[in-house]
Amino acid sequence: MAAFTISMSGPFPSGTTITRLGGPNEGGHKGEWYNRFGMDLGVSAGTEVRAAFEANVTAFHQHDPSKDSSKEYGAQIFMRSPNDMMGGFYTHISSVPAAISPGAYVNRGDLLGTVFVVTGGASHLHMALVEIIGGLPGGKYTGVNLYKEFLTNLGGAVKSVTFNQDGTPPTVA
C-alpha cells in the first residue's frame, strides 16, 4: 500500500500544559489496541478535548457512572480517518456534544468534550492511535506512538503525519 499523510494537531487548546502519565505499552496499557497503544496525557479536569484529525465517528459510548472502575470511566469515542487506514480512540471525557454519535463526521479541531473530573487520581485524556495497514476491511492494526509529539500538543500547530503502510513509525513534519 502507498503511504498517506494526515493533518494532525494536538487534542487540547494551544498553550495547554500536559503532564506525562504513561505511553503505549507502559503500566496498565495492555489488551486491546485502544488500551495497549494508549497515551495518558495529564491535564486539568475540564480542559477541552479537540479532534486531532478529521474522522468519522465509528462508535460512541456515553459515560455510565455505574460501570466506572479505576481504569474505565467517562465517555469513549472511536473514530477512523476518511481513508479507513488510521483510527483513534479518546476516553475519560465528559460534556460530549450531542453531534458526536456513530456516523458523525468531525473536522480536526472540533470539540469532542472536556477532560473528566477524576476523584483520587490524575485527570487525563487517554488517547490511542492505530495505523490500519492495508486499510479496512481486513487491514492489520499497528499501534502508533506519537506520545512525545502529543506531550507537546504537537507544538500547538497543525503537522503533517505520514503513515508508511509498512509497520514503521510515522514521520511528523
N, C-alpha and C. Protein backbone atom coordinates (compact mmCIF):
# COMPACT_ATOMS: atom_id res chain seq x y z
N MET A 1 0.85 -1.19 0.00
CA MET A 1 0.00 0.00 0.00
C MET A 1 0.89 1.24 0.00
N ALA A 2 0.40 2.26 -0.58
CA ALA A 2 1.13 3.53 -0.63
C ALA A 2 0.97 4.28 0.68
N ALA A 3 2.00 5.03 1.03
CA ALA A 3 1.96 5.88 2.23
C ALA A 3 0.86 6.93 2.05
N PHE A 4 0.39 7.46 3.17
CA PHE A 4 -0.58 8.55 3.14
C PHE A 4 -0.27 9.54 4.24
N THR A 5 -0.73 10.76 4.08
CA THR A 5 -0.44 11.83 5.03
C THR A 5 -1.75 12.40 5.56
N ILE A 6 -1.78 12.65 6.86
CA ILE A 6 -2.94 13.25 7.53
C ILE A 6 -2.47 14.50 8.26
N SER A 7 -3.28 15.55 8.21
CA SER A 7 -3.00 16.74 9.01
C SER A 7 -3.49 16.49 10.43
N MET A 8 -2.59 16.69 11.41
CA MET A 8 -2.93 16.46 12.81
C MET A 8 -2.54 17.67 13.65
N SER A 9 -3.27 17.83 14.74
CA SER A 9 -2.92 18.83 15.74
C SER A 9 -3.09 18.17 17.10
N GLY A 10 -2.64 18.84 18.14
CA GLY A 10 -2.82 18.30 19.47
C GLY A 10 -4.29 18.28 19.85
N PRO A 11 -4.67 17.45 20.83
CA PRO A 11 -6.07 17.34 21.23
C PRO A 11 -6.55 18.41 22.21
N PHE A 12 -5.67 19.37 22.56
CA PHE A 12 -6.03 20.40 23.53
C PHE A 12 -5.81 21.79 22.93
N PRO A 13 -6.44 22.80 23.50
CA PRO A 13 -6.19 24.16 23.02
C PRO A 13 -4.70 24.52 23.15
N SER A 14 -4.22 25.36 22.25
CA SER A 14 -2.84 25.81 22.28
C SER A 14 -2.50 26.40 23.64
N GLY A 15 -1.31 26.10 24.13
CA GLY A 15 -0.86 26.62 25.42
C GLY A 15 -1.20 25.75 26.61
N THR A 16 -1.92 24.64 26.40
CA THR A 16 -2.28 23.74 27.49
C THR A 16 -1.03 23.03 28.03
N THR A 17 -0.88 23.00 29.35
CA THR A 17 0.22 22.28 29.99
C THR A 17 -0.18 20.81 30.11
N ILE A 18 0.69 19.93 29.61
CA ILE A 18 0.41 18.49 29.58
C ILE A 18 1.48 17.76 30.40
N THR A 19 1.03 16.82 31.24
CA THR A 19 1.91 16.02 32.08
C THR A 19 1.99 14.60 31.53
N ARG A 20 3.19 14.03 31.55
CA ARG A 20 3.41 12.66 31.10
C ARG A 20 2.92 11.69 32.18
N LEU A 21 1.94 10.84 31.83
CA LEU A 21 1.42 9.86 32.78
C LEU A 21 1.62 8.42 32.32
N GLY A 22 2.06 8.20 31.10
CA GLY A 22 2.29 6.85 30.59
C GLY A 22 1.91 6.75 29.14
N GLY A 23 2.76 6.07 28.38
CA GLY A 23 2.55 5.94 26.94
C GLY A 23 2.21 4.52 26.53
N PRO A 24 2.23 4.28 25.22
CA PRO A 24 1.90 2.95 24.71
C PRO A 24 2.73 1.85 25.36
N ASN A 25 2.06 0.77 25.72
CA ASN A 25 2.67 -0.42 26.31
C ASN A 25 3.34 -0.15 27.65
N GLU A 26 3.00 0.94 28.33
CA GLU A 26 3.55 1.24 29.66
C GLU A 26 2.48 1.01 30.71
N GLY A 27 2.92 0.63 31.89
CA GLY A 27 2.00 0.48 33.02
C GLY A 27 0.85 -0.46 32.71
N GLY A 28 -0.34 0.01 32.91
CA GLY A 28 -1.54 -0.81 32.71
C GLY A 28 -2.05 -0.84 31.29
N HIS A 29 -1.31 -0.31 30.34
CA HIS A 29 -1.77 -0.29 28.95
C HIS A 29 -1.51 -1.64 28.29
N LYS A 30 -2.51 -2.52 28.43
CA LYS A 30 -2.43 -3.88 27.90
C LYS A 30 -3.77 -4.24 27.29
N GLY A 31 -3.80 -5.29 26.51
CA GLY A 31 -5.05 -5.78 25.96
C GLY A 31 -5.31 -5.25 24.57
N GLU A 32 -6.55 -4.82 24.34
CA GLU A 32 -6.98 -4.35 23.03
C GLU A 32 -6.16 -3.14 22.58
N TRP A 33 -6.13 -2.89 21.26
CA TRP A 33 -5.31 -1.80 20.72
C TRP A 33 -5.60 -0.47 21.39
N TYR A 34 -6.84 -0.19 21.71
CA TYR A 34 -7.20 1.11 22.28
C TYR A 34 -6.71 1.28 23.72
N ASN A 35 -6.33 0.18 24.37
CA ASN A 35 -5.65 0.26 25.66
C ASN A 35 -4.13 0.19 25.48
N ARG A 36 -3.68 -0.82 24.78
CA ARG A 36 -2.25 -1.09 24.61
C ARG A 36 -1.50 0.09 23.99
N PHE A 37 -2.07 0.74 23.02
CA PHE A 37 -1.41 1.84 22.33
C PHE A 37 -1.78 3.20 22.92
N GLY A 38 -2.35 3.19 24.11
CA GLY A 38 -2.84 4.41 24.74
C GLY A 38 -1.74 5.34 25.22
N MET A 39 -2.07 6.62 25.16
CA MET A 39 -1.21 7.69 25.67
C MET A 39 -2.02 8.42 26.73
N ASP A 40 -1.54 8.49 27.96
CA ASP A 40 -2.22 9.23 29.01
C ASP A 40 -1.61 10.62 29.08
N LEU A 41 -2.42 11.60 28.73
CA LEU A 41 -1.99 12.99 28.67
C LEU A 41 -2.64 13.74 29.82
N GLY A 42 -1.84 14.02 30.86
CA GLY A 42 -2.35 14.66 32.07
C GLY A 42 -2.62 16.15 31.85
N VAL A 43 -3.85 16.55 32.11
CA VAL A 43 -4.26 17.95 32.03
C VAL A 43 -5.29 18.21 33.13
N SER A 44 -5.61 19.44 33.35
CA SER A 44 -6.62 19.79 34.36
C SER A 44 -7.99 19.29 33.93
N ALA A 45 -8.76 18.84 34.92
CA ALA A 45 -10.15 18.45 34.66
C ALA A 45 -10.87 19.64 34.03
N GLY A 46 -11.71 19.35 33.06
CA GLY A 46 -12.46 20.40 32.39
C GLY A 46 -11.77 20.98 31.16
N THR A 47 -10.52 20.57 30.89
CA THR A 47 -9.82 21.03 29.69
C THR A 47 -10.56 20.53 28.46
N GLU A 48 -10.73 21.40 27.47
CA GLU A 48 -11.39 20.99 26.23
C GLU A 48 -10.56 19.94 25.51
N VAL A 49 -11.25 18.94 24.93
CA VAL A 49 -10.64 17.91 24.11
C VAL A 49 -11.12 18.15 22.68
N ARG A 50 -10.17 18.25 21.77
CA ARG A 50 -10.45 18.52 20.36
C ARG A 50 -10.04 17.33 19.51
N ALA A 51 -10.70 17.16 18.37
CA ALA A 51 -10.32 16.10 17.42
C ALA A 51 -8.95 16.43 16.87
N ALA A 52 -8.02 15.47 16.95
CA ALA A 52 -6.65 15.68 16.49
C ALA A 52 -6.53 15.51 14.97
N PHE A 53 -7.55 14.91 14.35
CA PHE A 53 -7.54 14.69 12.90
C PHE A 53 -8.99 14.56 12.44
N GLU A 54 -9.23 14.78 11.14
CA GLU A 54 -10.58 14.62 10.63
C GLU A 54 -10.92 13.14 10.57
N ALA A 55 -12.17 12.82 10.88
CA ALA A 55 -12.52 11.40 11.00
C ALA A 55 -14.03 11.20 10.99
N ASN A 56 -14.38 9.96 10.84
CA ASN A 56 -15.76 9.50 11.00
C ASN A 56 -15.85 8.83 12.37
N VAL A 57 -16.86 9.17 13.13
CA VAL A 57 -17.08 8.52 14.43
C VAL A 57 -17.64 7.13 14.14
N THR A 58 -16.95 6.10 14.62
CA THR A 58 -17.40 4.73 14.37
C THR A 58 -18.15 4.14 15.56
N ALA A 59 -17.86 4.62 16.76
CA ALA A 59 -18.56 4.16 17.96
C ALA A 59 -18.48 5.25 19.02
N PHE A 60 -19.55 5.36 19.79
CA PHE A 60 -19.58 6.32 20.90
C PHE A 60 -20.28 5.66 22.07
N HIS A 61 -19.63 5.68 23.22
CA HIS A 61 -20.21 5.12 24.44
C HIS A 61 -20.34 6.25 25.46
N GLN A 62 -21.58 6.59 25.79
CA GLN A 62 -21.85 7.61 26.81
C GLN A 62 -21.24 7.18 28.13
N HIS A 63 -20.94 8.13 28.97
CA HIS A 63 -20.47 7.81 30.31
C HIS A 63 -21.60 7.18 31.09
N ASP A 64 -21.34 6.04 31.69
CA ASP A 64 -22.29 5.34 32.55
C ASP A 64 -21.62 5.18 33.92
N PRO A 65 -21.94 6.06 34.88
CA PRO A 65 -21.27 6.01 36.19
C PRO A 65 -21.34 4.65 36.88
N SER A 66 -22.37 3.86 36.60
CA SER A 66 -22.50 2.55 37.24
C SER A 66 -21.43 1.57 36.75
N LYS A 67 -20.77 1.87 35.64
CA LYS A 67 -19.74 0.99 35.09
C LYS A 67 -18.33 1.52 35.32
N ASP A 68 -18.20 2.63 36.04
CA ASP A 68 -16.88 3.21 36.30
C ASP A 68 -16.02 2.25 37.11
N SER A 69 -14.74 2.20 36.74
CA SER A 69 -13.73 1.46 37.51
C SER A 69 -12.49 2.35 37.57
N SER A 70 -11.44 1.87 38.18
CA SER A 70 -10.22 2.67 38.27
C SER A 70 -9.56 2.86 36.90
N LYS A 71 -9.91 2.03 35.92
CA LYS A 71 -9.32 2.10 34.58
C LYS A 71 -10.29 2.64 33.53
N GLU A 72 -11.57 2.40 33.71
CA GLU A 72 -12.55 2.82 32.70
C GLU A 72 -13.58 3.75 33.33
N TYR A 73 -13.65 4.96 32.78
CA TYR A 73 -14.64 5.95 33.21
C TYR A 73 -14.73 7.03 32.16
N GLY A 74 -15.83 7.73 32.17
CA GLY A 74 -16.04 8.78 31.18
C GLY A 74 -16.53 8.20 29.86
N ALA A 75 -16.85 9.10 28.95
CA ALA A 75 -17.31 8.70 27.62
C ALA A 75 -16.14 8.17 26.79
N GLN A 76 -16.47 7.36 25.77
CA GLN A 76 -15.48 6.79 24.86
C GLN A 76 -15.89 7.09 23.42
N ILE A 77 -14.93 7.57 22.64
CA ILE A 77 -15.18 7.87 21.23
C ILE A 77 -14.15 7.12 20.38
N PHE A 78 -14.62 6.32 19.44
CA PHE A 78 -13.77 5.67 18.45
C PHE A 78 -14.00 6.38 17.13
N MET A 79 -12.91 6.65 16.40
CA MET A 79 -13.05 7.28 15.10
C MET A 79 -12.03 6.73 14.13
N ARG A 80 -12.30 6.95 12.83
CA ARG A 80 -11.42 6.43 11.80
C ARG A 80 -11.27 7.50 10.71
N SER A 81 -10.04 7.62 10.20
CA SER A 81 -9.78 8.59 9.13
C SER A 81 -10.66 8.25 7.93
N PRO A 82 -10.97 9.25 7.09
CA PRO A 82 -11.84 9.00 5.94
C PRO A 82 -11.34 7.92 4.98
N ASN A 83 -10.01 7.68 4.93
CA ASN A 83 -9.49 6.64 4.04
C ASN A 83 -9.49 5.24 4.68
N ASP A 84 -10.01 5.12 5.92
CA ASP A 84 -10.08 3.84 6.64
C ASP A 84 -8.72 3.20 6.89
N MET A 85 -7.66 4.03 7.00
CA MET A 85 -6.31 3.49 7.19
C MET A 85 -5.68 3.94 8.51
N MET A 86 -6.42 4.68 9.34
CA MET A 86 -5.91 5.12 10.63
C MET A 86 -7.10 5.33 11.56
N GLY A 87 -6.95 4.91 12.80
CA GLY A 87 -8.03 5.06 13.76
C GLY A 87 -7.56 5.71 15.04
N GLY A 88 -8.51 6.22 15.79
CA GLY A 88 -8.20 6.84 17.07
C GLY A 88 -9.27 6.52 18.10
N PHE A 89 -8.88 6.66 19.36
CA PHE A 89 -9.76 6.39 20.49
C PHE A 89 -9.49 7.45 21.55
N TYR A 90 -10.56 8.02 22.07
CA TYR A 90 -10.47 9.02 23.14
C TYR A 90 -11.37 8.54 24.28
N THR A 91 -10.86 8.62 25.52
CA THR A 91 -11.71 8.29 26.66
C THR A 91 -11.33 9.14 27.87
N HIS A 92 -12.11 9.02 28.91
CA HIS A 92 -12.04 9.83 30.13
C HIS A 92 -12.49 11.26 29.82
N ILE A 93 -13.56 11.36 29.04
CA ILE A 93 -14.09 12.68 28.70
C ILE A 93 -15.55 12.79 29.12
N SER A 94 -15.99 14.03 29.29
CA SER A 94 -17.38 14.32 29.65
C SER A 94 -17.84 15.50 28.80
N SER A 95 -19.07 15.91 29.01
CA SER A 95 -19.66 17.04 28.29
C SER A 95 -19.50 16.90 26.78
N VAL A 96 -19.76 15.69 26.27
CA VAL A 96 -19.64 15.42 24.85
C VAL A 96 -20.81 16.07 24.11
N PRO A 97 -20.54 16.85 23.05
CA PRO A 97 -21.62 17.48 22.30
C PRO A 97 -22.57 16.44 21.69
N ALA A 98 -23.83 16.80 21.56
CA ALA A 98 -24.84 15.89 21.02
C ALA A 98 -24.51 15.45 19.59
N ALA A 99 -23.76 16.25 18.85
CA ALA A 99 -23.42 15.92 17.46
C ALA A 99 -22.46 14.73 17.35
N ILE A 100 -21.81 14.37 18.45
CA ILE A 100 -20.88 13.23 18.42
C ILE A 100 -21.68 11.95 18.59
N SER A 101 -21.79 11.20 17.50
CA SER A 101 -22.53 9.93 17.50
C SER A 101 -22.00 9.08 16.35
N PRO A 102 -22.26 7.78 16.39
CA PRO A 102 -21.78 6.93 15.29
C PRO A 102 -22.27 7.47 13.94
N GLY A 103 -21.35 7.53 13.00
CA GLY A 103 -21.66 8.04 11.67
C GLY A 103 -21.38 9.53 11.49
N ALA A 104 -21.18 10.24 12.59
CA ALA A 104 -20.89 11.68 12.50
C ALA A 104 -19.49 11.89 11.92
N TYR A 105 -19.33 13.01 11.25
CA TYR A 105 -18.03 13.39 10.70
C TYR A 105 -17.51 14.54 11.55
N VAL A 106 -16.24 14.45 11.96
CA VAL A 106 -15.63 15.54 12.73
C VAL A 106 -14.42 16.07 11.97
N ASN A 107 -14.27 17.37 12.00
CA ASN A 107 -13.09 18.01 11.44
C ASN A 107 -12.02 18.09 12.51
N ARG A 108 -10.76 18.15 12.08
CA ARG A 108 -9.68 18.38 13.03
C ARG A 108 -9.98 19.68 13.76
N GLY A 109 -9.88 19.64 15.08
CA GLY A 109 -10.15 20.81 15.91
C GLY A 109 -11.56 20.90 16.47
N ASP A 110 -12.48 20.04 16.00
CA ASP A 110 -13.84 20.06 16.53
C ASP A 110 -13.83 19.63 18.00
N LEU A 111 -14.71 20.23 18.78
CA LEU A 111 -14.85 19.89 20.20
C LEU A 111 -15.43 18.49 20.38
N LEU A 112 -14.74 17.66 21.18
CA LEU A 112 -15.22 16.32 21.50
C LEU A 112 -15.76 16.23 22.91
N GLY A 113 -15.41 17.19 23.76
CA GLY A 113 -15.87 17.19 25.15
C GLY A 113 -14.81 17.84 26.02
N THR A 114 -14.84 17.49 27.30
CA THR A 114 -13.86 18.00 28.26
C THR A 114 -13.29 16.83 29.07
N VAL A 115 -12.11 17.04 29.62
CA VAL A 115 -11.47 16.00 30.42
C VAL A 115 -12.29 15.77 31.68
N PHE A 116 -12.55 14.51 31.96
CA PHE A 116 -13.36 14.05 33.07
C PHE A 116 -12.72 14.43 34.41
N VAL A 117 -13.54 14.77 35.37
CA VAL A 117 -13.07 15.05 36.73
C VAL A 117 -12.83 13.72 37.43
N VAL A 118 -11.59 13.47 37.84
CA VAL A 118 -11.22 12.22 38.49
C VAL A 118 -11.12 12.45 40.00
N THR A 119 -11.73 11.56 40.77
CA THR A 119 -11.61 11.62 42.22
C THR A 119 -10.51 10.64 42.64
N GLY A 120 -9.50 11.13 43.33
CA GLY A 120 -8.44 10.27 43.85
C GLY A 120 -7.41 9.86 42.82
N GLY A 121 -7.30 10.56 41.72
CA GLY A 121 -6.31 10.23 40.70
C GLY A 121 -6.00 11.46 39.87
N ALA A 122 -5.20 11.28 38.85
CA ALA A 122 -4.81 12.39 37.98
C ALA A 122 -5.77 12.48 36.79
N SER A 123 -6.37 13.65 36.61
CA SER A 123 -7.24 13.86 35.45
C SER A 123 -6.38 13.81 34.19
N HIS A 124 -6.88 13.10 33.18
CA HIS A 124 -6.13 12.96 31.94
C HIS A 124 -7.02 12.49 30.81
N LEU A 125 -6.51 12.68 29.60
CA LEU A 125 -7.13 12.12 28.40
C LEU A 125 -6.35 10.86 28.05
N HIS A 126 -7.06 9.77 27.85
CA HIS A 126 -6.45 8.55 27.32
C HIS A 126 -6.77 8.56 25.84
N MET A 127 -5.73 8.57 25.04
CA MET A 127 -5.89 8.62 23.58
C MET A 127 -5.00 7.56 22.97
N ALA A 128 -5.53 6.84 21.98
CA ALA A 128 -4.75 5.82 21.29
C ALA A 128 -4.91 6.01 19.78
N LEU A 129 -3.84 5.73 19.06
CA LEU A 129 -3.85 5.80 17.60
C LEU A 129 -3.38 4.48 17.03
N VAL A 130 -3.96 4.11 15.90
CA VAL A 130 -3.58 2.87 15.24
C VAL A 130 -3.57 3.10 13.73
N GLU A 131 -2.52 2.59 13.09
CA GLU A 131 -2.48 2.58 11.62
C GLU A 131 -3.08 1.26 11.19
N ILE A 132 -3.89 1.29 10.16
CA ILE A 132 -4.53 0.08 9.65
C ILE A 132 -3.85 -0.25 8.33
N ILE A 133 -2.82 -1.11 8.40
CA ILE A 133 -2.02 -1.44 7.22
C ILE A 133 -2.87 -2.25 6.26
N GLY A 134 -3.03 -1.72 5.06
CA GLY A 134 -3.88 -2.35 4.06
C GLY A 134 -5.30 -1.81 4.08
N GLY A 135 -5.61 -0.97 5.08
CA GLY A 135 -6.95 -0.39 5.18
C GLY A 135 -7.99 -1.41 5.57
N LEU A 136 -9.20 -0.94 5.70
CA LEU A 136 -10.31 -1.82 6.04
C LEU A 136 -11.09 -2.17 4.79
N PRO A 137 -11.73 -3.30 4.77
CA PRO A 137 -11.72 -4.35 5.79
C PRO A 137 -10.46 -5.20 5.71
N GLY A 138 -10.15 -5.85 6.79
CA GLY A 138 -9.09 -6.84 6.82
C GLY A 138 -7.69 -6.33 7.08
N GLY A 139 -7.50 -5.02 7.25
CA GLY A 139 -6.17 -4.49 7.49
C GLY A 139 -5.60 -4.90 8.84
N LYS A 140 -4.29 -4.78 8.97
CA LYS A 140 -3.59 -5.14 10.20
C LYS A 140 -3.44 -3.90 11.08
N TYR A 141 -3.92 -3.97 12.32
CA TYR A 141 -3.82 -2.87 13.26
C TYR A 141 -2.41 -2.81 13.85
N THR A 142 -1.75 -1.67 13.65
CA THR A 142 -0.40 -1.44 14.17
C THR A 142 -0.41 -0.16 14.99
N GLY A 143 0.00 -0.25 16.24
CA GLY A 143 -0.01 0.91 17.12
C GLY A 143 0.87 2.04 16.61
N VAL A 144 0.43 3.24 16.90
CA VAL A 144 1.16 4.44 16.50
C VAL A 144 1.58 5.15 17.78
N ASN A 145 2.88 5.34 17.95
CA ASN A 145 3.39 6.00 19.14
C ASN A 145 3.80 7.44 18.80
N LEU A 146 2.90 8.36 19.02
CA LEU A 146 3.18 9.79 18.86
C LEU A 146 3.15 10.47 20.22
N TYR A 147 3.45 9.69 21.28
CA TYR A 147 3.36 10.21 22.65
C TYR A 147 4.21 11.45 22.84
N LYS A 148 5.46 11.41 22.39
CA LYS A 148 6.35 12.56 22.55
C LYS A 148 5.75 13.81 21.88
N GLU A 149 5.19 13.63 20.69
CA GLU A 149 4.60 14.76 19.97
C GLU A 149 3.33 15.27 20.67
N PHE A 150 2.51 14.34 21.19
CA PHE A 150 1.28 14.77 21.86
C PHE A 150 1.56 15.40 23.22
N LEU A 151 2.68 15.05 23.86
CA LEU A 151 3.03 15.71 25.12
C LEU A 151 3.32 17.19 24.92
N THR A 152 3.74 17.55 23.72
CA THR A 152 3.96 18.98 23.40
C THR A 152 2.74 19.56 22.68
N ASN A 153 1.64 18.80 22.64
CA ASN A 153 0.43 19.22 21.94
C ASN A 153 0.75 19.52 20.48
N LEU A 154 1.72 18.77 19.92
CA LEU A 154 2.22 18.96 18.57
C LEU A 154 2.69 20.39 18.35
N GLY A 155 3.22 20.97 19.44
CA GLY A 155 3.75 22.32 19.35
C GLY A 155 2.69 23.38 19.12
N GLY A 156 1.43 23.02 19.32
CA GLY A 156 0.34 23.97 19.12
C GLY A 156 0.05 24.26 17.66
N ALA A 157 0.62 23.49 16.74
CA ALA A 157 0.45 23.73 15.31
C ALA A 157 -0.16 22.51 14.62
N VAL A 158 -0.55 22.71 13.38
CA VAL A 158 -1.01 21.60 12.55
C VAL A 158 0.24 21.00 11.90
N LYS A 159 0.37 19.69 12.01
CA LYS A 159 1.53 18.98 11.45
C LYS A 159 1.05 17.95 10.44
N SER A 160 1.90 17.66 9.48
CA SER A 160 1.64 16.59 8.52
C SER A 160 2.26 15.31 9.06
N VAL A 161 1.44 14.28 9.21
CA VAL A 161 1.91 13.00 9.72
C VAL A 161 1.76 11.99 8.58
N THR A 162 2.89 11.39 8.19
CA THR A 162 2.88 10.44 7.08
C THR A 162 2.98 9.03 7.64
N PHE A 163 2.00 8.23 7.27
CA PHE A 163 1.93 6.82 7.64
C PHE A 163 2.43 6.01 6.45
N ASN A 164 3.42 5.16 6.68
CA ASN A 164 4.13 4.49 5.60
C ASN A 164 3.47 3.20 5.11
N GLN A 165 2.49 2.69 5.85
CA GLN A 165 1.79 1.45 5.50
C GLN A 165 2.70 0.24 5.43
N ASP A 166 3.81 0.28 6.22
CA ASP A 166 4.72 -0.87 6.25
C ASP A 166 5.13 -1.25 7.66
N GLY A 167 4.45 -0.68 8.67
CA GLY A 167 4.75 -1.01 10.07
C GLY A 167 5.81 -0.15 10.71
N THR A 168 6.44 0.74 9.95
CA THR A 168 7.45 1.65 10.53
C THR A 168 6.74 2.85 11.14
N PRO A 169 7.38 3.51 12.11
CA PRO A 169 6.74 4.66 12.74
C PRO A 169 6.45 5.77 11.73
N PRO A 170 5.36 6.49 11.94
CA PRO A 170 5.05 7.60 11.03
C PRO A 170 6.06 8.74 11.21
N THR A 171 6.15 9.60 10.21
CA THR A 171 7.01 10.77 10.29
C THR A 171 6.14 11.99 10.48
N VAL A 172 6.64 12.94 11.30
CA VAL A 172 5.91 14.16 11.59
C VAL A 172 6.71 15.33 11.02
N ALA A 173 6.05 16.12 10.19
CA ALA A 173 6.72 17.30 9.60
C ALA A 173 5.90 18.55 9.84
